[in-house]
PDB file of all heavy atoms in Angstrom:
ATOM      1  N   ASN A   1       0.839  -1.205   0.000  1.00  0.00           N
ATOM      2  CA  ASN A   1       0.000   0.000   0.000  1.00  0.00           C
ATOM      3  C   ASN A   1       0.870   1.250   0.000  1.00  0.00           C
ATOM      4  O   ASN A   1       1.953   1.271   0.588  1.00  0.00           O
ATOM      5  CB  ASN A   1      -0.905   0.025   1.239  1.00  0.00           C
ATOM      6  CG  ASN A   1      -2.051  -0.946   1.097  1.00  0.00           C
ATOM      7  OD1 ASN A   1      -2.496  -1.226  -0.011  1.00  0.00           O
ATOM      8  ND2 ASN A   1      -2.540  -1.473   2.220  1.00  0.00           N
ATOM      9  N   THR A   2       0.338   2.209  -0.676  1.00  0.00           N
ATOM     10  CA  THR A   2       0.964   3.527  -0.649  1.00  0.00           C
ATOM     11  C   THR A   2       0.029   4.500   0.070  1.00  0.00           C
ATOM     12  O   THR A   2      -1.085   4.164   0.469  1.00  0.00           O
ATOM     13  CB  THR A   2       1.246   4.018  -2.076  1.00  0.00           C
ATOM     14  OG1 THR A   2       0.004   4.100  -2.790  1.00  0.00           O
ATOM     15  CG2 THR A   2       2.186   3.052  -2.812  1.00  0.00           C
ATOM     16  N   LYS A   3       0.480   5.724   0.243  1.00  0.00           N
ATOM     17  CA  LYS A   3      -0.339   6.740   0.928  1.00  0.00           C
ATOM     18  C   LYS A   3      -1.615   7.022   0.159  1.00  0.00           C
ATOM     19  O   LYS A   3      -2.704   7.150   0.733  1.00  0.00           O
ATOM     20  CB  LYS A   3       0.500   8.004   1.092  1.00  0.00           C
ATOM     21  CG  LYS A   3      -0.186   9.080   1.918  1.00  0.00           C
ATOM     22  CD  LYS A   3       0.738  10.270   2.098  1.00  0.00           C
ATOM     23  CE  LYS A   3       0.040  11.342   2.955  1.00  0.00           C
ATOM     24  NZ  LYS A   3       0.910  12.530   3.141  1.00  0.00           N
ATOM     25  N   GLU A   4      -1.503   7.041  -1.156  1.00  0.00           N
ATOM     26  CA  GLU A   4      -2.677   7.326  -1.980  1.00  0.00           C
ATOM     27  C   GLU A   4      -3.664   6.168  -1.934  1.00  0.00           C
ATOM     28  O   GLU A   4      -4.886   6.365  -1.811  1.00  0.00           O
ATOM     29  CB  GLU A   4      -2.249   7.589  -3.428  1.00  0.00           C
ATOM     30  CG  GLU A   4      -1.510   8.905  -3.640  1.00  0.00           C
ATOM     31  CD  GLU A   4      -0.060   8.818  -3.210  1.00  0.00           C
ATOM     32  OE1 GLU A   4       0.393   7.681  -2.924  1.00  0.00           O
ATOM     33  OE2 GLU A   4       0.619   9.857  -3.143  1.00  0.00           O
ATOM     34  N   SER A   5      -3.144   4.907  -2.024  1.00  0.00           N
ATOM     35  CA  SER A   5      -4.062   3.769  -1.987  1.00  0.00           C
ATOM     36  C   SER A   5      -4.690   3.587  -0.615  1.00  0.00           C
ATOM     37  O   SER A   5      -5.829   3.124  -0.491  1.00  0.00           O
ATOM     38  CB  SER A   5      -3.292   2.494  -2.395  1.00  0.00           C
ATOM     39  OG  SER A   5      -2.309   2.194  -1.430  1.00  0.00           O
ATOM     40  N   PHE A   6      -4.004   3.988   0.452  1.00  0.00           N
ATOM     41  CA  PHE A   6      -4.559   3.869   1.807  1.00  0.00           C
ATOM     42  C   PHE A   6      -5.700   4.864   2.025  1.00  0.00           C
ATOM     43  O   PHE A   6      -6.715   4.552   2.654  1.00  0.00           O
ATOM     44  CB  PHE A   6      -3.443   4.089   2.828  1.00  0.00           C
ATOM     45  CG  PHE A   6      -3.893   4.017   4.245  1.00  0.00           C
ATOM     46  CD1 PHE A   6      -4.163   2.795   4.846  1.00  0.00           C
ATOM     47  CD2 PHE A   6      -4.082   5.180   4.987  1.00  0.00           C
ATOM     48  CE1 PHE A   6      -4.588   2.723   6.167  1.00  0.00           C
ATOM     49  CE2 PHE A   6      -4.513   5.116   6.305  1.00  0.00           C
ATOM     50  CZ  PHE A   6      -4.766   3.888   6.890  1.00  0.00           C
ATOM     51  N   ASN A   7      -5.544   6.043   1.483  1.00  0.00           N
ATOM     52  CA  ASN A   7      -6.570   7.068   1.653  1.00  0.00           C
ATOM     53  C   ASN A   7      -7.733   6.910   0.679  1.00  0.00           C
ATOM     54  O   ASN A   7      -8.786   7.527   0.871  1.00  0.00           O
ATOM     55  CB  ASN A   7      -5.954   8.459   1.489  1.00  0.00           C
ATOM     56  CG  ASN A   7      -4.965   8.770   2.605  1.00  0.00           C
ATOM     57  OD1 ASN A   7      -5.151   8.318   3.736  1.00  0.00           O
ATOM     58  ND2 ASN A   7      -3.930   9.539   2.281  1.00  0.00           N
ATOM     59  N   ASP A   8      -7.574   6.086  -0.363  1.00  0.00           N
ATOM     60  CA  ASP A   8      -8.635   5.909  -1.351  1.00  0.00           C
ATOM     61  C   ASP A   8      -9.621   4.852  -0.835  1.00  0.00           C
ATOM     62  O   ASP A   8      -9.289   3.674  -0.724  1.00  0.00           O
ATOM     63  CB  ASP A   8      -8.025   5.484  -2.686  1.00  0.00           C
ATOM     64  CG  ASP A   8      -9.075   5.418  -3.781  1.00  0.00           C
ATOM     65  OD1 ASP A   8     -10.191   5.935  -3.557  1.00  0.00           O
ATOM     66  OD2 ASP A   8      -8.767   4.836  -4.854  1.00  0.00           O
ATOM     67  N   VAL A   9     -10.873   5.294  -0.498  1.00  0.00           N
ATOM     68  CA  VAL A   9     -11.914   4.385   0.006  1.00  0.00           C
ATOM     69  C   VAL A   9     -13.118   4.363  -0.927  1.00  0.00           C
ATOM     70  O   VAL A   9     -14.240   4.045  -0.505  1.00  0.00           O
ATOM     71  CB  VAL A   9     -12.352   4.814   1.439  1.00  0.00           C
ATOM     72  CG1 VAL A   9     -11.235   4.609   2.422  1.00  0.00           C
ATOM     73  CG2 VAL A   9     -12.811   6.276   1.451  1.00  0.00           C
ATOM     74  N   SER A  10     -12.907   4.698  -2.169  1.00  0.00           N
ATOM     75  CA  SER A  10     -14.034   4.766  -3.115  1.00  0.00           C
ATOM     76  C   SER A  10     -14.608   3.387  -3.412  1.00  0.00           C
ATOM     77  O   SER A  10     -15.795   3.243  -3.712  1.00  0.00           O
ATOM     78  CB  SER A  10     -13.569   5.435  -4.410  1.00  0.00           C
ATOM     79  OG  SER A  10     -12.490   4.702  -4.971  1.00  0.00           O
ATOM     80  N   SER A  11     -13.778   2.353  -3.362  1.00  0.00           N
ATOM     81  CA  SER A  11     -14.269   1.009  -3.672  1.00  0.00           C
ATOM     82  C   SER A  11     -14.788   0.255  -2.450  1.00  0.00           C
ATOM     83  O   SER A  11     -15.127  -0.926  -2.546  1.00  0.00           O
ATOM     84  CB  SER A  11     -13.142   0.203  -4.327  1.00  0.00           C
ATOM     85  OG  SER A  11     -12.031   0.090  -3.441  1.00  0.00           O
ATOM     86  N   PHE A  12     -14.845   0.914  -1.285  1.00  0.00           N
ATOM     87  CA  PHE A  12     -15.313   0.246  -0.057  1.00  0.00           C
ATOM     88  C   PHE A  12     -16.825   0.112  -0.077  1.00  0.00           C
ATOM     89  O   PHE A  12     -17.534   1.069  -0.393  1.00  0.00           O
ATOM     90  CB  PHE A  12     -14.866   1.043   1.158  1.00  0.00           C
ATOM     91  CG  PHE A  12     -15.342   0.466   2.462  1.00  0.00           C
ATOM     92  CD1 PHE A  12     -14.758  -0.676   2.976  1.00  0.00           C
ATOM     93  CD2 PHE A  12     -16.393   1.058   3.171  1.00  0.00           C
ATOM     94  CE1 PHE A  12     -15.197  -1.215   4.172  1.00  0.00           C
ATOM     95  CE2 PHE A  12     -16.823   0.511   4.356  1.00  0.00           C
ATOM     96  CZ  PHE A  12     -16.221  -0.620   4.862  1.00  0.00           C
ATOM     97  N   GLN A  13     -17.365  -1.084   0.244  1.00  0.00           N
ATOM     98  CA  GLN A  13     -18.801  -1.357   0.307  1.00  0.00           C
ATOM     99  C   GLN A  13     -19.095  -1.914   1.687  1.00  0.00           C
ATOM    100  O   GLN A  13     -18.647  -3.008   2.035  1.00  0.00           O
ATOM    101  CB  GLN A  13     -19.220  -2.361  -0.775  1.00  0.00           C
ATOM    102  CG  GLN A  13     -19.010  -1.823  -2.194  1.00  0.00           C
ATOM    103  CD  GLN A  13     -19.408  -2.835  -3.240  1.00  0.00           C
ATOM    104  OE1 GLN A  13     -19.938  -3.898  -2.901  1.00  0.00           O
ATOM    105  NE2 GLN A  13     -19.177  -2.503  -4.498  1.00  0.00           N
ATOM    106  N   SER A  14     -19.875  -1.188   2.454  1.00  0.00           N
ATOM    107  CA  SER A  14     -20.151  -1.590   3.836  1.00  0.00           C
ATOM    108  C   SER A  14     -21.067  -2.798   3.913  1.00  0.00           C
ATOM    109  O   SER A  14     -21.010  -3.567   4.870  1.00  0.00           O
ATOM    110  CB  SER A  14     -20.802  -0.425   4.596  1.00  0.00           C
ATOM    111  OG  SER A  14     -22.023  -0.045   3.947  1.00  0.00           O
ATOM    112  N   LYS A  15     -21.915  -3.036   2.895  1.00  0.00           N
ATOM    113  CA  LYS A  15     -22.846  -4.155   2.942  1.00  0.00           C
ATOM    114  C   LYS A  15     -22.126  -5.505   2.843  1.00  0.00           C
ATOM    115  O   LYS A  15     -22.548  -6.494   3.445  1.00  0.00           O
ATOM    116  CB  LYS A  15     -23.864  -4.037   1.820  1.00  0.00           C
ATOM    117  CG  LYS A  15     -24.810  -2.858   2.003  1.00  0.00           C
ATOM    118  CD  LYS A  15     -25.817  -2.827   0.854  1.00  0.00           C
ATOM    119  CE  LYS A  15     -26.784  -1.646   1.031  1.00  0.00           C
ATOM    120  NZ  LYS A  15     -27.769  -1.590  -0.053  1.00  0.00           N
ATOM    121  N   VAL A  16     -21.051  -5.544   2.067  1.00  0.00           N
ATOM    122  CA  VAL A  16     -20.367  -6.814   1.862  1.00  0.00           C
ATOM    123  C   VAL A  16     -19.088  -6.914   2.677  1.00  0.00           C
ATOM    124  O   VAL A  16     -18.377  -7.902   2.591  1.00  0.00           O
ATOM    125  CB  VAL A  16     -20.052  -7.015   0.363  1.00  0.00           C
ATOM    126  CG1 VAL A  16     -21.321  -7.105  -0.440  1.00  0.00           C
ATOM    127  CG2 VAL A  16     -19.136  -5.908  -0.155  1.00  0.00           C
ATOM    128  N   ALA A  17     -18.768  -5.868   3.468  1.00  0.00           N
ATOM    129  CA  ALA A  17     -17.538  -5.894   4.258  1.00  0.00           C
ATOM    130  C   ALA A  17     -17.675  -6.845   5.430  1.00  0.00           C
ATOM    131  O   ALA A  17     -18.736  -6.941   6.040  1.00  0.00           O
ATOM    132  CB  ALA A  17     -17.221  -4.484   4.761  1.00  0.00           C
ATOM    133  N   HIS A  18     -16.639  -7.554   5.743  1.00  0.00           N
ATOM    134  CA  HIS A  18     -16.549  -8.472   6.884  1.00  0.00           C
ATOM    135  C   HIS A  18     -17.604  -9.551   6.819  1.00  0.00           C
ATOM    136  O   HIS A  18     -18.127  -9.985   7.858  1.00  0.00           O
ATOM    137  CB  HIS A  18     -16.664  -7.706   8.203  1.00  0.00           C
ATOM    138  CG  HIS A  18     -15.661  -6.610   8.353  1.00  0.00           C
ATOM    139  ND1 HIS A  18     -14.320  -6.833   8.458  1.00  0.00           N
ATOM    140  CD2 HIS A  18     -15.815  -5.250   8.392  1.00  0.00           C
ATOM    141  CE1 HIS A  18     -13.681  -5.676   8.567  1.00  0.00           C
ATOM    142  NE2 HIS A  18     -14.571  -4.697   8.514  1.00  0.00           N
ATOM    143  N   ASN A  19     -17.970 -10.000   5.624  1.00  0.00           N
ATOM    144  CA  ASN A  19     -18.929 -11.103   5.429  1.00  0.00           C
ATOM    145  C   ASN A  19     -20.272 -10.843   6.115  1.00  0.00           C
ATOM    146  O   ASN A  19     -20.904 -11.736   6.668  1.00  0.00           O
ATOM    147  CB  ASN A  19     -18.350 -12.423   5.972  1.00  0.00           C
ATOM    148  CG  ASN A  19     -17.145 -12.858   5.182  1.00  0.00           C
ATOM    149  OD1 ASN A  19     -17.095 -12.638   3.981  1.00  0.00           O
ATOM    150  ND2 ASN A  19     -16.179 -13.488   5.868  1.00  0.00           N
ATOM    151  N   LYS A  20     -20.729  -9.577   6.090  1.00  0.00           N
ATOM    152  CA  LYS A  20     -22.017  -9.230   6.716  1.00  0.00           C
ATOM    153  C   LYS A  20     -23.117  -9.020   5.698  1.00  0.00           C
ATOM    154  O   LYS A  20     -24.237  -8.656   6.053  1.00  0.00           O
ATOM    155  CB  LYS A  20     -21.861  -7.960   7.556  1.00  0.00           C
ATOM    156  CG  LYS A  20     -20.999  -8.156   8.794  1.00  0.00           C
ATOM    157  CD  LYS A  20     -20.920  -6.892   9.589  1.00  0.00           C
ATOM    158  CE  LYS A  20     -20.069  -7.094  10.852  1.00  0.00           C
ATOM    159  NZ  LYS A  20     -19.983  -5.852  11.639  1.00  0.00           N
ATOM    160  N   GLY A  21     -22.860  -9.202   4.479  1.00  0.00           N
ATOM    161  CA  GLY A  21     -23.870  -8.978   3.456  1.00  0.00           C
ATOM    162  C   GLY A  21     -24.887 -10.098   3.416  1.00  0.00           C
ATOM    163  O   GLY A  21     -24.737 -11.136   4.062  1.00  0.00           O
ATOM    164  N   PRO A  22     -25.975  -9.944   2.653  1.00  0.00           N
ATOM    165  CA  PRO A  22     -26.995 -10.990   2.541  1.00  0.00           C
ATOM    166  C   PRO A  22     -26.453 -12.223   1.857  1.00  0.00           C
ATOM    167  O   PRO A  22     -25.852 -12.148   0.787  1.00  0.00           O
ATOM    168  CB  PRO A  22     -28.101 -10.330   1.714  1.00  0.00           C
ATOM    169  CG  PRO A  22     -27.418  -9.227   0.984  1.00  0.00           C
ATOM    170  CD  PRO A  22     -26.311  -8.760   1.860  1.00  0.00           C
ATOM    171  N   GLY A  23     -26.686 -13.381   2.448  1.00  0.00           N
ATOM    172  CA  GLY A  23     -26.227 -14.634   1.868  1.00  0.00           C
ATOM    173  C   GLY A  23     -24.806 -14.968   2.188  1.00  0.00           C
ATOM    174  O   GLY A  23     -24.313 -16.039   1.828  1.00  0.00           O
ATOM    175  N   LYS A  24     -24.067 -14.106   2.839  1.00  0.00           N
ATOM    176  CA  LYS A  24     -22.655 -14.358   3.133  1.00  0.00           C
ATOM    177  C   LYS A  24     -22.505 -15.362   4.252  1.00  0.00           C
ATOM    178  O   LYS A  24     -21.555 -16.127   4.298  1.00  0.00           O
ATOM    179  CB  LYS A  24     -21.930 -13.048   3.503  1.00  0.00           C
ATOM    180  CG  LYS A  24     -21.776 -12.084   2.339  1.00  0.00           C
ATOM    181  CD  LYS A  24     -20.856 -12.647   1.274  1.00  0.00           C
ATOM    182  CE  LYS A  24     -20.699 -11.679   0.124  1.00  0.00           C
ATOM    183  NZ  LYS A  24     -19.818 -12.233  -0.908  1.00  0.00           N
ATOM    184  N   ALA A  25     -23.506 -15.345   5.204  1.00  0.00           N
ATOM    185  CA  ALA A  25     -23.391 -16.291   6.305  1.00  0.00           C
ATOM    186  C   ALA A  25     -23.569 -17.712   5.813  1.00  0.00           C
ATOM    187  O   ALA A  25     -23.007 -18.640   6.357  1.00  0.00           O
ATOM    188  CB  ALA A  25     -24.441 -15.964   7.378  1.00  0.00           C
ATOM    189  N   ARG A  26     -24.337 -17.853   4.748  1.00  0.00           N
ATOM    190  CA  ARG A  26     -24.569 -19.191   4.233  1.00  0.00           C
ATOM    191  C   ARG A  26     -23.435 -19.646   3.336  1.00  0.00           C
ATOM    192  O   ARG A  26     -23.024 -20.801   3.349  1.00  0.00           O
ATOM    193  CB  ARG A  26     -25.910 -19.206   3.487  1.00  0.00           C
ATOM    194  CG  ARG A  26     -26.314 -20.590   2.990  1.00  0.00           C
ATOM    195  CD  ARG A  26     -27.686 -20.574   2.356  1.00  0.00           C
ATOM    196  NE  ARG A  26     -27.735 -19.755   1.155  1.00  0.00           N
ATOM    197  CZ  ARG A  26     -28.329 -18.568   1.101  1.00  0.00           C
ATOM    198  NH1 ARG A  26     -28.906 -18.049   2.183  1.00  0.00           N
ATOM    199  NH2 ARG A  26     -28.333 -17.870  -0.015  1.00  0.00           N
ATOM    200  N   LYS A  27     -22.953 -18.727   2.535  1.00  0.00           N
ATOM    201  CA  LYS A  27     -21.942 -19.106   1.536  1.00  0.00           C
ATOM    202  C   LYS A  27     -20.522 -18.975   2.053  1.00  0.00           C
ATOM    203  O   LYS A  27     -19.737 -19.908   1.995  1.00  0.00           O
ATOM    204  CB  LYS A  27     -22.110 -18.262   0.279  1.00  0.00           C
ATOM    205  CG  LYS A  27     -23.386 -18.570  -0.471  1.00  0.00           C
ATOM    206  CD  LYS A  27     -23.470 -17.739  -1.718  1.00  0.00           C
ATOM    207  CE  LYS A  27     -24.765 -18.016  -2.481  1.00  0.00           C
ATOM    208  NZ  LYS A  27     -24.862 -17.198  -3.694  1.00  0.00           N
ATOM    209  N   GLY A  28     -20.207 -17.788   2.571  1.00  0.00           N
ATOM    210  CA  GLY A  28     -18.809 -17.558   2.950  1.00  0.00           C
ATOM    211  C   GLY A  28     -18.637 -17.144   4.368  1.00  0.00           C
ATOM    212  O   GLY A  28     -17.633 -16.521   4.713  1.00  0.00           O
ATOM    213  N   GLY A  29     -19.652 -17.404   5.251  1.00  0.00           N
ATOM    214  CA  GLY A  29     -19.570 -16.970   6.628  1.00  0.00           C
ATOM    215  C   GLY A  29     -18.683 -17.849   7.457  1.00  0.00           C
ATOM    216  O   GLY A  29     -18.020 -18.762   6.970  1.00  0.00           O
ATOM    217  N   LYS A  30     -18.737 -17.571   8.792  1.00  0.00           N
ATOM    218  CA  LYS A  30     -17.863 -18.305   9.707  1.00  0.00           C
ATOM    219  C   LYS A  30     -18.292 -19.743   9.839  1.00  0.00           C
ATOM    220  O   LYS A  30     -17.471 -20.648   9.910  1.00  0.00           O
ATOM    221  CB  LYS A  30     -17.874 -17.602  11.053  1.00  0.00           C
ATOM    222  CG  LYS A  30     -16.846 -18.148  12.032  1.00  0.00           C
ATOM    223  CD  LYS A  30     -16.829 -17.307  13.293  1.00  0.00           C
ATOM    224  CE  LYS A  30     -15.775 -17.845  14.245  1.00  0.00           C
ATOM    225  NZ  LYS A  30     -15.744 -17.056  15.510  1.00  0.00           N
ATOM    226  N   LYS A  31     -19.667 -19.950   9.830  1.00  0.00           N
ATOM    227  CA  LYS A  31     -20.165 -21.305   9.974  1.00  0.00           C
ATOM    228  C   LYS A  31     -19.824 -22.152   8.750  1.00  0.00           C
ATOM    229  O   LYS A  31     -19.558 -23.328   8.851  1.00  0.00           O
ATOM    230  CB  LYS A  31     -21.673 -21.292  10.201  1.00  0.00           C
ATOM    231  CG  LYS A  31     -22.071 -20.708  11.534  1.00  0.00           C
ATOM    232  CD  LYS A  31     -23.574 -20.749  11.716  1.00  0.00           C
ATOM    233  CE  LYS A  31     -23.979 -20.147  13.067  1.00  0.00           C
ATOM    234  NZ  LYS A  31     -25.455 -20.170  13.254  1.00  0.00           N
ATOM    235  N   ALA A  32     -19.896 -21.509   7.638  1.00  0.00           N
ATOM    236  CA  ALA A  32     -19.576 -22.251   6.416  1.00  0.00           C
ATOM    237  C   ALA A  32     -18.091 -22.608   6.354  1.00  0.00           C
ATOM    238  O   ALA A  32     -17.724 -23.652   5.816  1.00  0.00           O
ATOM    239  CB  ALA A  32     -19.985 -21.441   5.191  1.00  0.00           C
ATOM    240  N   LEU A  33     -17.238 -21.723   6.876  1.00  0.00           N
ATOM    241  CA  LEU A  33     -15.813 -21.990   6.827  1.00  0.00           C
ATOM    242  C   LEU A  33     -15.412 -23.089   7.807  1.00  0.00           C
ATOM    243  O   LEU A  33     -14.523 -23.885   7.525  1.00  0.00           O
ATOM    244  CB  LEU A  33     -15.023 -20.712   7.141  1.00  0.00           C
ATOM    245  CG  LEU A  33     -15.127 -19.596   6.082  1.00  0.00           C
ATOM    246  CD1 LEU A  33     -14.456 -18.338   6.595  1.00  0.00           C
ATOM    247  CD2 LEU A  33     -14.521 -20.053   4.778  1.00  0.00           C
ATOM    248  N   ASN A  34     -16.109 -23.204   8.995  1.00  0.00           N
ATOM    249  CA  ASN A  34     -15.747 -24.187  10.002  1.00  0.00           C
ATOM    250  C   ASN A  34     -16.478 -25.491   9.687  1.00  0.00           C
ATOM    251  O   ASN A  34     -17.580 -25.741  10.181  1.00  0.00           O
ATOM    252  CB  ASN A  34     -16.116 -23.668  11.389  1.00  0.00           C
ATOM    253  CG  ASN A  34     -15.543 -24.537  12.498  1.00  0.00           C
ATOM    254  OD1 ASN A  34     -14.764 -25.437  12.216  1.00  0.00           O
ATOM    255  ND2 ASN A  34     -15.922 -24.250  13.737  1.00  0.00           N
ATOM    256  N   LYS A  35     -15.911 -26.308   8.846  1.00  0.00           N
ATOM    257  CA  LYS A  35     -16.535 -27.543   8.415  1.00  0.00           C
ATOM    258  C   LYS A  35     -16.213 -28.711   9.327  1.00  0.00           C
ATOM    259  O   LYS A  35     -16.782 -29.778   9.200  1.00  0.00           O
ATOM    260  CB  LYS A  35     -16.090 -27.870   6.987  1.00  0.00           C
ATOM    261  CG  LYS A  35     -16.566 -26.858   5.974  1.00  0.00           C
ATOM    262  CD  LYS A  35     -16.121 -27.238   4.583  1.00  0.00           C
ATOM    263  CE  LYS A  35     -16.577 -26.221   3.565  1.00  0.00           C
ATOM    264  NZ  LYS A  35     -16.156 -26.576   2.186  1.00  0.00           N
ATOM    265  N   ARG A  36     -15.268 -28.589  10.272  1.00  0.00           N
ATOM    266  CA  ARG A  36     -14.882 -29.688  11.137  1.00  0.00           C
ATOM    267  C   ARG A  36     -15.949 -29.880  12.237  1.00  0.00           C
ATOM    268  O   ARG A  36     -16.354 -28.914  12.868  1.00  0.00           O
ATOM    269  CB  ARG A  36     -13.530 -29.374  11.764  1.00  0.00           C
ATOM    270  CG  ARG A  36     -12.975 -30.530  12.582  1.00  0.00           C
ATOM    271  CD  ARG A  36     -11.693 -30.116  13.234  1.00  0.00           C
ATOM    272  NE  ARG A  36     -11.121 -31.192  14.026  1.00  0.00           N
ATOM    273  CZ  ARG A  36     -10.131 -31.058  14.875  1.00  0.00           C
ATOM    274  NH1 ARG A  36      -9.587 -29.859  15.061  1.00  0.00           N
ATOM    275  NH2 ARG A  36      -9.662 -32.094  15.553  1.00  0.00           N
ATOM    276  N   PRO A  37     -16.409 -31.137  12.488  1.00  0.00           N
ATOM    277  CA  PRO A  37     -17.403 -31.362  13.554  1.00  0.00           C
ATOM    278  C   PRO A  37     -16.800 -31.095  14.935  1.00  0.00           C
ATOM    279  O   PRO A  37     -15.582 -31.105  15.123  1.00  0.00           O
ATOM    280  CB  PRO A  37     -17.784 -32.828  13.381  1.00  0.00           C
ATOM    281  CG  PRO A  37     -16.642 -33.431  12.665  1.00  0.00           C
ATOM    282  CD  PRO A  37     -16.087 -32.367  11.785  1.00  0.00           C
ATOM    283  N   GLY A  38     -17.688 -30.895  15.935  1.00  0.00           N
ATOM    284  CA  GLY A  38     -17.249 -30.590  17.283  1.00  0.00           C
ATOM    285  C   GLY A  38     -16.670 -31.808  17.980  1.00  0.00           C
ATOM    286  O   GLY A  38     -16.668 -32.930  17.466  1.00  0.00           O
ATOM    287  N   LYS A  39     -16.187 -31.544  19.203  1.00  0.00           N
ATOM    288  CA  LYS A  39     -15.528 -32.609  19.947  1.00  0.00           C
ATOM    289  C   LYS A  39     -16.504 -33.698  20.340  1.00  0.00           C
ATOM    290  O   LYS A  39     -16.209 -34.895  20.258  1.00  0.00           O
ATOM    291  CB  LYS A  39     -14.864 -32.006  21.186  1.00  0.00           C
ATOM    292  CG  LYS A  39     -14.046 -33.006  21.993  1.00  0.00           C
ATOM    293  CD  LYS A  39     -13.343 -32.304  23.132  1.00  0.00           C
ATOM    294  CE  LYS A  39     -12.506 -33.303  23.928  1.00  0.00           C
ATOM    295  NZ  LYS A  39     -11.817 -32.651  25.060  1.00  0.00           N
ATOM    296  N   ARG A  40     -17.697 -33.297  20.782  1.00  0.00           N
ATOM    297  CA  ARG A  40     -18.680 -34.292  21.199  1.00  0.00           C
ATOM    298  C   ARG A  40     -19.139 -35.135  20.024  1.00  0.00           C
ATOM    299  O   ARG A  40     -19.301 -36.357  20.123  1.00  0.00           O
ATOM    300  CB  ARG A  40     -19.877 -33.583  21.837  1.00  0.00           C
ATOM    301  CG  ARG A  40     -20.827 -34.518  22.569  1.00  0.00           C
ATOM    302  CD  ARG A  40     -21.823 -33.753  23.351  1.00  0.00           C
ATOM    303  NE  ARG A  40     -21.182 -33.042  24.469  1.00  0.00           N
ATOM    304  CZ  ARG A  40     -21.849 -32.237  25.310  1.00  0.00           C
ATOM    305  NH1 ARG A  40     -23.124 -31.988  25.124  1.00  0.00           N
ATOM    306  NH2 ARG A  40     -21.210 -31.647  26.298  1.00  0.00           N
ATOM    307  N   ALA A  41     -19.303 -34.500  18.887  1.00  0.00           N
ATOM    308  CA  ALA A  41     -19.714 -35.252  17.682  1.00  0.00           C
ATOM    309  C   ALA A  41     -18.618 -36.219  17.250  1.00  0.00           C
ATOM    310  O   ALA A  41     -18.895 -37.357  16.835  1.00  0.00           O
ATOM    311  CB  ALA A  41     -20.025 -34.287  16.558  1.00  0.00           C
TER     312      ALA A  41
END
């Protein structure tokens, strides 16, 4: 990153940031990423 690229936030989208957008929890959320079963299972 440079100073110009750090200050440029034009491409930032708050709806899809941090996997909070619609459908992200199902497709790319934390639950979807953790595919390993629990200890009790």
